[in-house]
N, C-alpha and C. Protein backbone atom coordinates (compact mmCIF):
# COMPACT_ATOMS: atom_id res chain seq x y z
N MET A 1 0.70 -1.04 -0.03
CA MET A 1 -0.14 0.11 -0.06
C MET A 1 0.96 1.09 -0.06
N SER A 2 0.72 2.33 -0.53
CA SER A 2 1.37 3.29 -0.98
C SER A 2 1.20 4.43 0.38
N SER A 3 2.09 5.45 0.47
CA SER A 3 2.19 5.93 1.78
C SER A 3 0.87 7.22 1.68
N LYS A 4 0.60 7.45 0.20
CA LYS A 4 -0.51 8.51 -0.05
C LYS A 4 -1.83 7.79 -0.20
N GLN A 5 -2.63 7.86 1.04
CA GLN A 5 -3.97 7.20 0.82
C GLN A 5 -4.99 8.32 0.39
N LYS A 6 -5.78 7.91 -0.05
CA LYS A 6 -6.96 8.85 -0.64
C LYS A 6 -7.57 9.43 0.78
N PRO A 7 -7.68 10.88 0.62
CA PRO A 7 -8.57 11.41 1.76
C PRO A 7 -9.82 10.72 1.88
N ILE A 8 -10.55 10.54 3.12
CA ILE A 8 -11.87 10.18 3.37
C ILE A 8 -12.57 11.35 3.31
N GLY A 9 -13.80 11.38 2.82
CA GLY A 9 -14.83 12.50 2.32
C GLY A 9 -16.21 12.14 2.99
N ILE A 10 -17.20 12.93 2.84
CA ILE A 10 -18.39 12.87 3.65
C ILE A 10 -19.19 11.80 2.88
N ILE A 11 -19.07 11.56 1.58
CA ILE A 11 -19.66 10.58 0.92
C ILE A 11 -19.11 9.18 1.30
N ALA A 12 -17.61 9.07 1.39
CA ALA A 12 -17.31 7.72 1.93
C ALA A 12 -17.59 7.40 3.33
N LEU A 13 -17.93 8.42 4.07
CA LEU A 13 -18.48 8.26 5.56
C LEU A 13 -19.84 7.78 5.40
N LEU A 14 -20.83 8.19 4.65
CA LEU A 14 -22.03 7.82 4.47
C LEU A 14 -22.24 6.60 3.90
N ASP A 15 -21.51 6.01 2.73
CA ASP A 15 -21.33 4.80 2.20
C ASP A 15 -20.88 3.92 3.42
N GLU A 16 -20.20 4.20 4.36
CA GLU A 16 -19.48 3.20 5.32
C GLU A 16 -20.89 3.08 6.46
N ALA A 17 -21.42 4.32 6.72
CA ALA A 17 -22.73 4.36 7.57
C ALA A 17 -23.72 3.33 7.33
N CYS A 18 -24.04 3.16 5.91
CA CYS A 18 -24.93 2.56 5.28
C CYS A 18 -24.85 1.07 5.35
N MET A 19 -23.56 0.70 5.58
CA MET A 19 -23.15 -0.93 5.52
C MET A 19 -23.59 -1.32 7.11
N PHE A 20 -23.74 -0.41 7.97
CA PHE A 20 -24.07 -1.02 9.27
C PHE A 20 -25.48 -0.67 9.72
N PRO A 21 -26.32 -1.72 9.92
CA PRO A 21 -27.63 -1.60 10.36
C PRO A 21 -28.07 -0.66 11.31
N LYS A 22 -27.00 -0.59 12.28
CA LYS A 22 -27.54 0.13 13.51
C LYS A 22 -27.34 1.61 13.31
N SER A 23 -26.63 1.98 12.16
CA SER A 23 -26.13 3.38 12.09
C SER A 23 -27.38 4.48 11.82
N THR A 24 -27.26 5.32 12.39
CA THR A 24 -28.39 6.56 12.48
C THR A 24 -27.83 7.80 11.80
N HIS A 25 -28.62 8.60 11.57
CA HIS A 25 -28.27 9.84 11.09
C HIS A 25 -27.39 10.60 12.07
N GLU A 26 -27.82 10.51 13.55
CA GLU A 26 -27.06 10.97 14.31
C GLU A 26 -25.68 10.38 14.57
N THR A 27 -25.49 8.96 14.48
CA THR A 27 -23.97 8.67 14.46
C THR A 27 -23.24 8.87 13.20
N PHE A 28 -23.80 8.91 12.10
CA PHE A 28 -23.17 9.34 10.85
C PHE A 28 -22.84 11.04 11.19
N ALA A 29 -23.74 11.73 11.48
CA ALA A 29 -23.29 13.16 11.67
C ALA A 29 -22.11 13.33 13.02
N THR A 30 -22.28 12.48 14.10
CA THR A 30 -21.21 12.60 15.06
C THR A 30 -19.81 12.17 14.50
N LYS A 31 -19.88 11.08 13.58
CA LYS A 31 -18.63 10.68 12.96
C LYS A 31 -18.26 11.62 11.87
N MET A 32 -18.86 12.30 11.20
CA MET A 32 -18.39 13.45 10.09
C MET A 32 -17.99 14.33 10.96
N PHE A 33 -18.66 15.10 12.16
CA PHE A 33 -18.07 16.11 12.88
C PHE A 33 -16.68 15.77 13.32
N ARG A 34 -16.52 14.41 14.06
CA ARG A 34 -15.32 14.21 14.50
C ARG A 34 -14.15 14.18 13.40
N ASN A 35 -14.59 13.51 12.05
CA ASN A 35 -13.29 13.48 11.28
C ASN A 35 -12.99 14.76 10.68
N PHE A 36 -14.16 15.87 10.53
CA PHE A 36 -13.81 16.98 9.71
C PHE A 36 -14.13 18.17 10.75
N SER A 37 -13.71 18.05 11.88
CA SER A 37 -13.93 19.05 13.07
C SER A 37 -13.11 20.35 12.49
N SER A 38 -11.90 20.12 12.11
CA SER A 38 -11.03 21.29 11.64
C SER A 38 -11.04 21.82 10.31
N HIS A 39 -12.04 21.23 9.42
CA HIS A 39 -12.27 21.69 8.22
C HIS A 39 -12.66 22.90 8.03
N PRO A 40 -12.05 24.03 7.10
CA PRO A 40 -12.45 25.18 7.02
C PRO A 40 -13.95 25.48 6.41
N ARG A 41 -14.35 24.73 5.50
CA ARG A 41 -15.46 24.62 4.73
C ARG A 41 -16.72 24.03 5.61
N LEU A 42 -16.64 23.34 6.71
CA LEU A 42 -17.65 22.66 7.26
C LEU A 42 -18.07 23.23 8.62
N GLU A 43 -19.24 23.35 8.93
CA GLU A 43 -19.52 24.20 10.16
C GLU A 43 -20.86 23.15 10.62
N LYS A 44 -21.02 23.16 12.05
CA LYS A 44 -22.12 22.73 12.70
C LYS A 44 -23.12 23.94 12.67
N THR A 45 -24.28 23.49 12.30
CA THR A 45 -25.67 24.42 12.60
C THR A 45 -25.80 24.70 14.17
N LYS A 46 -26.46 26.04 14.32
CA LYS A 46 -26.49 26.51 15.54
C LYS A 46 -27.71 25.72 16.45
N PHE A 47 -28.70 25.23 15.78
CA PHE A 47 -29.92 24.74 16.48
C PHE A 47 -30.14 23.22 16.20
N SER A 48 -29.10 22.60 15.74
CA SER A 48 -29.12 21.26 15.38
C SER A 48 -27.85 20.47 15.70
N GLU A 49 -28.01 19.16 16.07
CA GLU A 49 -26.72 18.30 16.35
C GLU A 49 -26.43 17.81 15.15
N THR A 50 -27.38 17.62 14.02
CA THR A 50 -26.99 16.63 13.10
C THR A 50 -26.92 17.50 11.53
N ASP A 51 -27.25 18.53 11.64
CA ASP A 51 -27.35 19.42 10.34
C ASP A 51 -25.81 19.95 10.25
N PHE A 52 -25.44 20.17 8.91
CA PHE A 52 -24.38 20.87 8.78
C PHE A 52 -24.33 21.82 7.60
N THR A 53 -23.40 22.70 7.59
CA THR A 53 -23.55 23.96 6.48
C THR A 53 -22.14 23.63 5.68
N ILE A 54 -21.88 23.62 4.52
CA ILE A 54 -20.55 23.57 3.82
C ILE A 54 -20.85 24.82 3.02
N SER A 55 -19.38 25.54 3.04
CA SER A 55 -19.08 26.52 2.18
C SER A 55 -18.87 26.34 0.84
N HIS A 56 -19.81 26.39 -0.25
CA HIS A 56 -19.38 25.90 -1.58
C HIS A 56 -18.64 27.24 -2.18
N TYR A 57 -18.28 27.11 -3.38
CA TYR A 57 -17.49 28.16 -4.11
C TYR A 57 -18.68 29.39 -4.19
N ALA A 58 -19.88 28.70 -4.59
CA ALA A 58 -21.07 30.02 -4.62
C ALA A 58 -21.79 30.54 -3.39
N GLY A 59 -21.47 29.57 -2.30
CA GLY A 59 -22.04 30.24 -1.11
C GLY A 59 -22.25 28.98 -0.17
N LYS A 60 -22.91 29.38 0.95
CA LYS A 60 -23.23 28.35 2.14
C LYS A 60 -24.59 27.50 1.75
N VAL A 61 -24.40 26.35 1.96
CA VAL A 61 -25.58 25.44 1.99
C VAL A 61 -25.68 24.61 3.14
N THR A 62 -26.84 24.51 3.81
CA THR A 62 -27.08 23.76 5.08
C THR A 62 -27.92 22.50 4.51
N TYR A 63 -27.27 21.44 5.22
CA TYR A 63 -27.89 20.24 4.97
C TYR A 63 -28.39 19.29 6.16
N GLN A 64 -29.66 18.87 6.08
CA GLN A 64 -30.32 17.86 7.11
C GLN A 64 -29.99 16.75 6.87
N THR A 65 -29.48 15.78 7.85
CA THR A 65 -28.74 14.56 7.64
C THR A 65 -30.06 13.64 8.03
N ASP A 66 -31.42 14.00 8.20
CA ASP A 66 -32.24 13.22 8.67
C ASP A 66 -32.40 11.82 7.79
N SER A 67 -32.32 12.15 6.62
CA SER A 67 -32.74 11.06 5.48
C SER A 67 -31.66 10.63 4.88
N PHE A 68 -30.81 11.06 4.98
CA PHE A 68 -29.29 10.57 4.42
C PHE A 68 -29.06 9.23 4.10
N LEU A 69 -28.87 8.43 5.34
CA LEU A 69 -28.92 7.13 5.16
C LEU A 69 -29.94 6.30 4.61
N GLU A 70 -31.01 6.57 4.63
CA GLU A 70 -32.37 5.69 4.01
C GLU A 70 -32.02 6.18 2.37
N LYS A 71 -31.75 7.40 2.09
CA LYS A 71 -31.65 7.69 0.65
C LYS A 71 -30.50 7.34 -0.16
N ASN A 72 -29.44 7.12 0.79
CA ASN A 72 -28.16 6.67 0.16
C ASN A 72 -28.13 4.82 -0.14
N ARG A 73 -28.96 4.22 0.67
CA ARG A 73 -28.99 2.84 0.51
C ARG A 73 -29.54 2.56 -0.68
N ASP A 74 -29.03 1.61 -1.52
CA ASP A 74 -29.46 1.20 -2.65
C ASP A 74 -30.37 0.03 -2.66
N TYR A 75 -31.72 0.44 -2.56
CA TYR A 75 -32.79 -0.87 -2.42
C TYR A 75 -33.55 -0.83 -3.81
N ILE A 76 -33.89 -2.06 -4.17
CA ILE A 76 -34.77 -2.28 -5.38
C ILE A 76 -36.07 -2.92 -4.83
N VAL A 77 -37.15 -2.31 -4.99
CA VAL A 77 -38.59 -2.51 -4.59
C VAL A 77 -38.82 -3.93 -5.24
N ALA A 78 -39.26 -4.98 -4.52
CA ALA A 78 -39.37 -6.25 -4.96
C ALA A 78 -40.45 -6.06 -6.14
N GLU A 79 -41.48 -5.70 -5.93
CA GLU A 79 -42.45 -5.45 -7.10
C GLU A 79 -41.90 -5.11 -8.31
N HIS A 80 -41.09 -4.08 -8.47
CA HIS A 80 -40.49 -3.89 -9.54
C HIS A 80 -39.69 -4.74 -10.02
N CYS A 81 -38.56 -5.40 -9.20
CA CYS A 81 -37.68 -6.52 -9.70
C CYS A 81 -38.74 -7.57 -10.47
N ASN A 82 -39.58 -8.11 -9.62
CA ASN A 82 -40.45 -9.14 -10.16
C ASN A 82 -40.84 -8.70 -11.73
N LEU A 83 -41.63 -7.50 -11.70
CA LEU A 83 -42.03 -6.94 -12.93
C LEU A 83 -40.91 -7.01 -14.14
N LEU A 84 -39.95 -6.47 -13.81
CA LEU A 84 -38.50 -6.64 -14.89
C LEU A 84 -38.13 -8.03 -15.24
N SER A 85 -38.19 -8.70 -14.23
CA SER A 85 -37.68 -10.00 -14.32
C SER A 85 -38.45 -10.87 -15.34
N SER A 86 -39.86 -10.44 -15.48
CA SER A 86 -40.84 -11.34 -16.41
C SER A 86 -40.97 -10.63 -17.60
N SER A 87 -40.06 -9.48 -17.94
CA SER A 87 -40.14 -8.90 -19.28
C SER A 87 -39.98 -9.80 -20.52
N ARG A 88 -40.52 -9.48 -21.47
CA ARG A 88 -40.38 -10.59 -22.72
C ARG A 88 -39.09 -9.98 -23.63
N CYS A 89 -38.64 -9.03 -23.11
CA CYS A 89 -37.25 -8.51 -23.71
C CYS A 89 -36.19 -9.34 -23.01
N PRO A 90 -35.37 -10.18 -23.50
CA PRO A 90 -34.36 -11.04 -22.83
C PRO A 90 -33.21 -10.10 -22.16
N PHE A 91 -32.99 -9.13 -22.83
CA PHE A 91 -32.06 -8.19 -22.11
C PHE A 91 -32.64 -7.76 -20.87
N VAL A 92 -33.66 -7.26 -20.68
CA VAL A 92 -34.25 -6.76 -19.60
C VAL A 92 -34.30 -7.58 -18.59
N SER A 93 -34.96 -8.74 -18.67
CA SER A 93 -35.27 -10.05 -18.00
C SER A 93 -33.92 -10.47 -17.38
N GLY A 94 -33.02 -10.50 -18.27
CA GLY A 94 -31.69 -11.02 -17.69
C GLY A 94 -30.82 -10.09 -16.79
N LEU A 95 -31.31 -8.94 -16.81
CA LEU A 95 -30.70 -8.01 -15.77
C LEU A 95 -31.17 -8.17 -14.21
N PHE A 96 -32.42 -8.99 -14.23
CA PHE A 96 -33.23 -9.03 -13.02
C PHE A 96 -33.38 -10.45 -12.60
N THR A 97 -32.50 -11.41 -12.92
CA THR A 97 -32.58 -12.79 -12.56
C THR A 97 -32.16 -13.28 -11.21
N SER A 98 -31.32 -12.63 -10.87
CA SER A 98 -30.80 -12.89 -9.30
C SER A 98 -30.09 -11.75 -8.68
N LEU A 99 -30.86 -11.36 -7.81
CA LEU A 99 -30.52 -10.21 -6.85
C LEU A 99 -30.46 -10.76 -5.62
N PRO A 100 -29.03 -10.15 -5.05
CA PRO A 100 -29.17 -10.49 -3.56
C PRO A 100 -30.20 -9.99 -2.67
N GLU A 101 -30.71 -10.99 -1.77
CA GLU A 101 -32.00 -10.63 -0.95
C GLU A 101 -31.81 -9.49 -0.14
N GLU A 102 -30.76 -9.09 0.26
CA GLU A 102 -30.70 -7.94 1.21
C GLU A 102 -30.71 -6.57 0.40
N SER A 103 -30.65 -6.74 -1.10
CA SER A 103 -30.87 -5.49 -1.93
C SER A 103 -32.49 -5.23 -2.09
N ILE A 104 -33.25 -6.15 -1.90
CA ILE A 104 -34.62 -5.96 -2.09
C ILE A 104 -35.48 -5.62 -1.12
N ARG A 105 -36.29 -4.52 -1.37
CA ARG A 105 -37.15 -4.27 -0.19
C ARG A 105 -38.72 -4.25 -0.71
N SER A 106 -39.64 -4.64 0.07
CA SER A 106 -40.98 -4.48 -0.40
C SER A 106 -41.48 -3.20 0.08
N SER A 107 -42.33 -2.64 -0.90
CA SER A 107 -42.87 -1.32 -0.49
C SER A 107 -44.27 -1.42 0.25
């Protein structure tokens, strides 16, 4: 392994949090603030323990982490998978033949 490792970012922390079923937006925010506490572009918001503001080139944007983990997880609705796997088009049906059980969620 080289001595230069790619620096970890917010998206990498979010992806990591999504791998653990007990992760919450609170634990994600805590880890993010711990990892980037000295970053000049990141600020905690005044009235929330989980929201944060990033100073982008065009201005500041505040993000609410409430649904970050849920939206980042890559789920496929079971009904959609069943519909596409029964397609008459071999290409489409071939894409949906065997999906891992953990990636399918019923609606």
